[in-house]
Amino acid sequence: MKSFKENVTGDAKACSAQMLAVSDAMDILSGKWKITIISALRFGKRRFKELQREIEGITAKMLSKELRDLEMNELVSRTVYDTIPVTVEYELTAYGKTLDKVIQELALWGSNHRKRIIRKK
């Protein structure tokens, strides 16, 4: 089976398959915060409040919703510790870590884009 990259020559069937795959990925990763949360968790386990402090502008309600969505899609795991008060930690699952290259490339592109736009001003 050819990879998506090998099929970039104009094959309509390959184009449709790639668009479907991108659409599926965007359904899971869409929104303002999911990729940012995944990016933060690439650096290790985080408690809820740590994530909220690191991700500037996210509300507790939105962080909670996005973490639930990421957990439902098996990208993030939630561990509850029997402490007083209860401690909850979030981390990327092995499956979530498969996004590492995507996040790295996105960060590189974003950094280059920022430099390009700033140069124009």
Protein backbone atom coordinates (compact mmCIF):
# COMPACT_ATOMS: atom_id res chain seq x y z
CA MET A 1 0.00 0.00 0.00
CA LYS A 2 1.32 3.44 -0.93
CA SER A 3 1.75 6.09 1.72
CA PHE A 4 -0.11 9.39 1.44
CA LYS A 5 3.15 11.07 0.44
CA GLU A 6 3.63 8.70 -2.51
CA ASN A 7 0.10 9.46 -3.75
CA VAL A 8 0.44 13.24 -4.00
CA THR A 9 0.63 13.00 -7.80
CA GLY A 10 -3.08 13.72 -8.35
CA ASP A 11 -4.81 10.37 -7.82
CA ALA A 12 -8.42 11.26 -6.92
CA LYS A 13 -8.91 8.16 -4.78
CA ALA A 14 -5.71 8.91 -2.82
CA CYS A 15 -6.78 12.54 -2.46
CA SER A 16 -10.14 11.48 -1.00
CA ALA A 17 -8.47 9.03 1.38
CA GLN A 18 -6.05 11.71 2.56
CA MET A 19 -8.81 14.28 3.05
CA LEU A 20 -10.82 11.75 5.06
CA ALA A 21 -7.78 10.96 7.23
CA VAL A 22 -7.07 14.66 7.82
CA SER A 23 -10.74 15.23 8.63
CA ASP A 24 -10.68 12.38 11.16
CA ALA A 25 -7.54 13.80 12.79
CA MET A 26 -8.99 17.31 12.92
CA ASP A 27 -12.21 16.02 14.48
CA ILE A 28 -10.13 14.71 17.39
CA LEU A 29 -7.63 17.58 17.63
CA SER A 30 -9.80 20.54 16.67
CA GLY A 31 -10.43 23.53 18.84
CA LYS A 32 -8.24 26.13 20.41
CA TRP A 33 -6.81 24.04 23.25
CA LYS A 34 -6.35 20.33 22.49
CA ILE A 35 -3.02 20.57 20.69
CA THR A 36 -1.76 22.99 23.34
CA ILE A 37 -2.72 20.54 26.10
CA ILE A 38 -1.04 17.66 24.28
CA SER A 39 2.03 19.82 23.78
CA ALA A 40 2.21 20.61 27.50
CA LEU A 41 1.82 16.95 28.43
CA ARG A 42 4.72 15.99 26.11
CA PHE A 43 6.96 17.29 28.91
CA GLY A 44 5.54 14.90 31.49
CA LYS A 45 2.69 14.38 33.93
CA ARG A 46 0.79 17.45 35.06
CA ARG A 47 -1.83 18.15 37.66
CA PHE A 48 -4.92 20.06 36.62
CA LYS A 49 -3.83 23.36 38.18
CA GLU A 50 -0.35 23.01 36.67
CA LEU A 51 -1.89 22.67 33.22
CA GLN A 52 -4.18 25.61 33.85
CA ARG A 53 -1.23 27.80 34.89
CA GLU A 54 0.89 26.71 31.91
CA ILE A 55 -1.85 27.20 29.32
CA GLU A 56 -2.47 30.91 29.39
CA GLY A 57 -6.10 31.90 28.92
CA ILE A 58 -7.80 28.52 29.39
CA THR A 59 -10.62 28.36 31.92
CA ALA A 60 -11.01 25.50 34.38
CA LYS A 61 -14.29 24.50 32.72
CA MET A 62 -12.73 24.37 29.24
CA LEU A 63 -9.62 22.52 30.47
CA SER A 64 -11.82 19.95 32.15
CA LYS A 65 -13.91 19.47 28.98
CA GLU A 66 -10.87 19.18 26.72
CA LEU A 67 -9.12 16.71 29.05
CA ARG A 68 -12.29 14.55 29.08
CA ASP A 69 -12.37 14.60 25.26
CA LEU A 70 -8.69 13.69 25.04
CA GLU A 71 -9.19 10.92 27.59
CA MET A 72 -12.20 9.57 25.70
CA ASN A 73 -10.09 9.42 22.53
CA GLU A 74 -7.33 7.56 24.43
CA LEU A 75 -4.73 10.32 24.01
CA VAL A 76 -4.55 11.27 27.70
CA SER A 77 -4.83 9.20 30.85
CA ARG A 78 -6.13 10.45 34.18
CA THR A 79 -4.79 8.98 37.40
CA VAL A 80 -6.51 9.68 40.71
CA TYR A 81 -4.42 9.19 43.86
CA ASP A 82 -6.02 8.42 47.22
CA THR A 83 -4.56 11.38 49.07
CA ILE A 84 -6.05 14.16 51.13
CA PRO A 85 -6.92 16.24 49.21
CA VAL A 86 -7.30 13.94 46.22
CA THR A 87 -4.49 14.29 43.67
CA VAL A 88 -5.23 13.89 39.97
CA GLU A 89 -2.53 13.70 37.32
CA TYR A 90 -2.81 13.72 33.55
CA GLU A 91 -0.32 12.29 31.10
CA LEU A 92 -0.12 11.29 27.47
CA THR A 93 -0.88 7.66 26.77
CA ALA A 94 1.40 5.63 24.50
CA TYR A 95 -1.15 6.35 21.78
CA GLY A 96 -1.06 10.07 22.58
CA LYS A 97 2.71 10.02 22.24
CA THR A 98 2.31 8.95 18.61
CA LEU A 99 1.44 12.62 17.97
CA ASP A 100 4.95 13.67 18.98
CA LYS A 101 6.24 14.18 15.42
CA VAL A 102 3.07 16.05 14.46
CA ILE A 103 3.43 18.41 17.45
CA GLN A 104 7.15 18.95 16.78
CA GLU A 105 6.50 19.77 13.12
CA LEU A 106 3.59 22.04 14.03
CA ALA A 107 5.77 23.87 16.57
CA LEU A 108 8.55 24.28 14.00
CA TRP A 109 6.12 25.57 11.40
CA GLY A 110 4.55 27.95 13.92
CA SER A 111 7.95 29.30 14.97
CA ASN A 112 8.98 29.87 11.35
CA HIS A 113 5.63 31.46 10.54
CA ARG A 114 5.92 33.83 13.50
CA LYS A 115 9.42 34.92 12.32
CA ARG A 116 8.15 35.40 8.76
CA ILE A 117 5.21 37.55 9.82
CA ILE A 118 7.26 39.62 12.27
CA ARG A 119 9.84 40.31 9.51
CA LYS A 120 7.07 41.75 7.31
CA LYS A 121 6.04 44.32 9.94
